[in-house]
N, C-alpha and C. Protein backbone atom coordinates (compact mmCIF):
# COMPACT_ATOMS: atom_id res chain seq x y z
N UNK A 1 -24.23 59.25 58.89
CA UNK A 1 -23.99 60.66 59.44
C UNK A 1 -25.40 61.15 59.78
N UNK A 2 -25.40 61.83 60.85
CA UNK A 2 -26.58 62.45 61.34
C UNK A 2 -26.62 63.94 61.18
N UNK A 3 -27.79 64.57 61.16
CA UNK A 3 -28.01 66.01 61.10
C UNK A 3 -28.29 66.44 62.55
N UNK A 4 -27.70 67.56 63.01
CA UNK A 4 -27.94 68.20 64.31
C UNK A 4 -28.42 69.63 64.07
N UNK A 5 -29.44 70.06 64.86
CA UNK A 5 -29.94 71.43 64.71
C UNK A 5 -29.74 72.05 66.03
N UNK A 6 -29.18 73.27 65.99
CA UNK A 6 -29.07 74.18 67.07
C UNK A 6 -29.82 75.52 66.91
N UNK A 7 -30.91 75.84 67.82
CA UNK A 7 -31.63 77.02 67.46
C UNK A 7 -32.60 77.26 68.51
N UNK A 8 -33.42 78.20 68.15
CA UNK A 8 -34.62 78.73 69.12
C UNK A 8 -35.67 77.66 68.93
N UNK A 9 -36.67 77.70 69.86
CA UNK A 9 -37.76 76.72 70.06
C UNK A 9 -38.51 76.55 68.65
N UNK A 10 -38.89 77.60 68.07
CA UNK A 10 -39.65 77.43 66.79
C UNK A 10 -38.93 76.58 65.70
N UNK A 11 -37.68 76.87 65.58
CA UNK A 11 -36.89 76.19 64.53
C UNK A 11 -36.73 74.78 65.00
N UNK A 12 -36.42 74.52 66.17
CA UNK A 12 -36.22 73.13 66.64
C UNK A 12 -37.45 72.29 66.52
N UNK A 13 -38.60 72.92 66.82
CA UNK A 13 -39.96 72.23 66.74
C UNK A 13 -40.14 71.77 65.14
N UNK A 14 -39.85 72.63 64.25
CA UNK A 14 -40.01 72.37 62.86
C UNK A 14 -39.15 71.26 62.36
N UNK A 15 -37.75 71.25 62.84
CA UNK A 15 -37.05 70.10 62.48
C UNK A 15 -37.29 68.78 63.08
N UNK A 16 -37.81 68.88 64.31
CA UNK A 16 -38.22 67.83 65.15
C UNK A 16 -39.36 67.11 64.42
N UNK A 17 -40.39 67.84 63.84
CA UNK A 17 -41.46 67.34 63.19
C UNK A 17 -41.10 66.70 61.78
N UNK A 18 -40.00 67.12 61.28
CA UNK A 18 -39.47 66.70 60.05
C UNK A 18 -38.69 65.39 60.22
N UNK A 19 -38.56 65.05 61.46
CA UNK A 19 -37.83 63.79 61.81
C UNK A 19 -36.42 63.86 62.27
N UNK A 20 -35.87 65.09 62.35
CA UNK A 20 -34.59 65.34 62.86
C UNK A 20 -34.40 64.92 64.39
N UNK A 21 -33.67 63.97 64.79
CA UNK A 21 -33.51 63.40 66.01
C UNK A 21 -32.61 64.29 67.03
N UNK A 22 -31.49 64.79 66.41
CA UNK A 22 -30.65 65.62 67.15
C UNK A 22 -30.90 67.07 67.17
N UNK A 23 -31.49 67.54 68.29
CA UNK A 23 -31.90 68.98 68.24
C UNK A 23 -31.42 69.59 69.68
N UNK A 24 -31.05 70.89 69.69
CA UNK A 24 -30.80 71.56 70.86
C UNK A 24 -31.43 72.97 70.89
N UNK A 25 -32.37 73.13 71.81
CA UNK A 25 -33.03 74.36 71.99
C UNK A 25 -32.11 75.28 72.79
N UNK A 26 -31.73 76.42 72.35
CA UNK A 26 -30.82 77.30 73.18
C UNK A 26 -31.49 78.67 73.22
N UNK A 27 -31.19 79.28 74.38
CA UNK A 27 -31.67 80.57 74.62
C UNK A 27 -30.67 81.55 74.83
N UNK A 28 -29.37 81.18 75.16
CA UNK A 28 -28.23 82.16 75.48
C UNK A 28 -26.94 81.57 75.10
N UNK A 29 -25.94 82.35 75.41
CA UNK A 29 -24.53 82.05 75.06
C UNK A 29 -24.12 80.80 75.61
N UNK A 30 -24.49 80.53 76.96
CA UNK A 30 -23.93 79.33 77.61
C UNK A 30 -24.56 78.14 77.03
N UNK A 31 -25.85 78.09 76.75
CA UNK A 31 -26.52 76.86 76.20
C UNK A 31 -26.04 76.68 74.81
N UNK A 32 -25.82 77.68 74.03
CA UNK A 32 -25.27 77.56 72.64
C UNK A 32 -23.83 76.93 72.65
N UNK A 33 -22.96 77.40 73.51
CA UNK A 33 -21.70 76.94 73.60
C UNK A 33 -21.63 75.32 73.92
N UNK A 34 -22.51 75.02 74.87
CA UNK A 34 -22.67 73.68 75.38
C UNK A 34 -23.20 72.72 74.17
N UNK A 35 -24.23 73.19 73.56
CA UNK A 35 -24.80 72.40 72.35
C UNK A 35 -23.77 72.19 71.18
N UNK A 36 -23.11 73.35 70.94
CA UNK A 36 -22.05 73.33 69.86
C UNK A 36 -21.04 72.25 70.18
N UNK A 37 -20.42 72.33 71.41
CA UNK A 37 -19.44 71.43 71.88
C UNK A 37 -19.91 69.99 71.79
N UNK A 38 -21.07 69.73 72.23
CA UNK A 38 -21.61 68.39 72.11
C UNK A 38 -21.64 67.88 70.68
N UNK A 39 -22.07 68.71 69.78
CA UNK A 39 -22.19 68.34 68.33
C UNK A 39 -20.82 68.16 67.79
N UNK A 40 -19.90 68.91 68.11
CA UNK A 40 -18.54 68.88 67.48
C UNK A 40 -17.86 67.59 67.99
N UNK A 41 -18.02 67.25 69.21
CA UNK A 41 -17.42 66.02 69.76
C UNK A 41 -18.12 64.75 69.27
N UNK A 42 -19.35 64.76 68.87
CA UNK A 42 -20.20 63.63 68.45
C UNK A 42 -19.69 63.15 67.06
N UNK A 43 -19.05 62.05 66.88
CA UNK A 43 -18.57 61.64 65.66
C UNK A 43 -19.58 61.11 64.72
N UNK A 44 -20.81 61.01 65.14
CA UNK A 44 -21.93 60.59 64.11
C UNK A 44 -22.59 61.78 63.52
N UNK A 45 -22.21 63.00 63.94
CA UNK A 45 -22.92 64.20 63.39
C UNK A 45 -22.08 64.68 62.20
N UNK A 46 -22.66 64.70 61.02
CA UNK A 46 -22.04 65.17 59.77
C UNK A 46 -22.41 66.48 59.46
N UNK A 47 -23.55 67.07 59.81
CA UNK A 47 -24.06 68.34 59.39
C UNK A 47 -24.63 69.01 60.73
N UNK A 48 -24.21 70.29 60.89
CA UNK A 48 -24.82 71.04 61.96
C UNK A 48 -25.49 72.22 61.37
N UNK A 49 -26.77 72.30 61.58
CA UNK A 49 -27.55 73.53 61.22
C UNK A 49 -27.70 74.44 62.38
N UNK A 50 -27.31 75.66 62.24
CA UNK A 50 -27.47 76.72 63.27
C UNK A 50 -28.28 77.83 62.88
N UNK A 51 -29.23 78.20 63.86
CA UNK A 51 -30.11 79.45 63.59
C UNK A 51 -29.07 80.64 63.59
N UNK A 52 -29.32 81.53 62.56
CA UNK A 52 -28.48 82.59 62.36
C UNK A 52 -28.29 83.51 63.58
N UNK A 53 -29.42 83.72 64.32
CA UNK A 53 -29.27 84.44 65.51
C UNK A 53 -28.45 83.83 66.59
N UNK A 54 -28.49 82.43 66.75
CA UNK A 54 -27.64 81.70 67.68
C UNK A 54 -26.17 81.70 67.13
N UNK A 55 -26.03 81.70 65.79
CA UNK A 55 -24.61 81.64 65.20
C UNK A 55 -23.73 82.87 65.70
N UNK A 56 -24.48 84.02 65.97
CA UNK A 56 -23.70 85.16 66.47
C UNK A 56 -22.97 84.80 67.76
N UNK A 57 -23.55 84.05 68.56
CA UNK A 57 -22.88 83.63 69.80
C UNK A 57 -21.66 82.66 69.57
N UNK A 58 -21.77 82.04 68.48
CA UNK A 58 -20.67 80.97 68.31
C UNK A 58 -19.70 81.26 67.20
N UNK A 59 -19.56 82.53 66.84
CA UNK A 59 -18.68 82.84 65.72
C UNK A 59 -17.25 82.43 65.84
N UNK A 60 -16.67 82.60 67.08
CA UNK A 60 -15.31 82.26 67.28
C UNK A 60 -15.08 80.78 67.31
N UNK A 61 -16.05 79.99 67.87
CA UNK A 61 -15.98 78.46 67.86
C UNK A 61 -16.12 77.99 66.43
N UNK A 62 -17.04 78.41 65.71
CA UNK A 62 -17.25 78.10 64.27
C UNK A 62 -15.89 78.33 63.47
N UNK A 63 -15.31 79.59 63.67
CA UNK A 63 -14.06 79.85 62.88
C UNK A 63 -12.93 78.77 63.28
N UNK A 64 -12.91 78.48 64.63
CA UNK A 64 -11.80 77.51 65.06
C UNK A 64 -12.01 76.17 64.30
N UNK A 65 -13.35 75.71 64.14
CA UNK A 65 -13.54 74.46 63.51
C UNK A 65 -13.11 74.55 62.01
N UNK A 66 -13.49 75.66 61.45
CA UNK A 66 -13.26 75.88 59.98
C UNK A 66 -11.73 75.94 59.83
N UNK A 67 -10.98 76.59 60.73
CA UNK A 67 -9.40 76.60 60.58
C UNK A 67 -8.79 75.24 60.75
N UNK A 68 -9.44 74.39 61.40
CA UNK A 68 -8.96 73.00 61.63
C UNK A 68 -8.88 72.22 60.51
N UNK A 69 -9.55 72.63 59.39
CA UNK A 69 -9.71 72.01 58.02
C UNK A 69 -10.31 70.53 58.17
N UNK A 70 -11.18 70.36 59.19
CA UNK A 70 -11.84 69.03 59.27
C UNK A 70 -12.93 69.09 58.19
N UNK A 71 -13.00 67.81 57.66
CA UNK A 71 -14.14 67.77 56.64
C UNK A 71 -15.61 67.71 57.24
N UNK A 72 -15.70 67.19 58.43
CA UNK A 72 -16.86 66.98 59.10
C UNK A 72 -16.66 67.48 60.67
N UNK A 73 -17.72 68.08 61.08
CA UNK A 73 -19.14 68.21 60.56
C UNK A 73 -19.11 69.51 59.72
N UNK A 74 -20.05 69.46 58.75
CA UNK A 74 -20.26 70.62 57.91
C UNK A 74 -21.19 71.58 58.70
N UNK A 75 -20.88 72.87 58.83
CA UNK A 75 -21.57 73.73 59.72
C UNK A 75 -22.26 74.86 58.76
N UNK A 76 -23.60 74.91 58.81
CA UNK A 76 -24.30 75.80 58.02
C UNK A 76 -25.23 76.64 58.99
N UNK A 77 -25.24 78.00 58.55
CA UNK A 77 -26.25 78.87 59.35
C UNK A 77 -27.43 79.04 58.53
N UNK A 78 -28.55 79.08 59.13
CA UNK A 78 -29.91 79.12 58.27
C UNK A 78 -30.66 80.18 59.03
N UNK A 79 -31.45 81.09 58.26
CA UNK A 79 -32.11 82.10 58.84
C UNK A 79 -33.26 81.55 59.85
N UNK A 80 -33.33 82.05 60.91
CA UNK A 80 -34.48 81.68 61.85
C UNK A 80 -35.47 82.77 61.94
N UNK A 81 -36.28 82.79 63.03
CA UNK A 81 -37.27 83.79 63.22
C UNK A 81 -36.63 85.17 63.45
N UNK A 82 -35.45 85.21 63.96
CA UNK A 82 -34.97 86.51 64.38
C UNK A 82 -34.16 87.03 63.22
N UNK A 83 -33.85 86.25 62.19
CA UNK A 83 -33.07 86.79 60.99
C UNK A 83 -33.96 86.77 59.75
N UNK A 84 -34.06 87.98 59.01
CA UNK A 84 -34.90 88.01 57.86
C UNK A 84 -34.35 87.21 56.73
N UNK A 85 -35.04 86.65 55.89
CA UNK A 85 -34.58 85.91 54.70
C UNK A 85 -34.24 86.89 53.64
N UNK A 86 -33.08 86.76 52.99
CA UNK A 86 -32.65 87.64 51.98
C UNK A 86 -33.12 87.08 50.67
N UNK A 87 -33.50 87.94 49.72
CA UNK A 87 -33.92 87.44 48.40
C UNK A 87 -32.70 87.02 47.58
N UNK A 88 -32.85 86.00 46.77
CA UNK A 88 -31.76 85.59 45.98
C UNK A 88 -31.62 86.43 44.69
N UNK A 89 -30.52 86.86 44.29
CA UNK A 89 -30.34 87.76 43.08
C UNK A 89 -30.32 86.90 41.98
């Protein structure tokens, strides 16, 4: 299973430097939709990491995947440069 990352340039660069091969740099709703669709249709992708700011564009698509009760891909949002990191209680 592969890891895919969808996000802004700075996040994509960091994951690319860490060795992640499947990355999608997105700037708007249209690019986010296209990248998410590609990741969902790719049977080799087991985990999708999405920049929290970009995840706002994809909320309905992410909900549809979760409702389908598919085990894979696992979809996680992570804080990016546009979203502050919250402290752990």
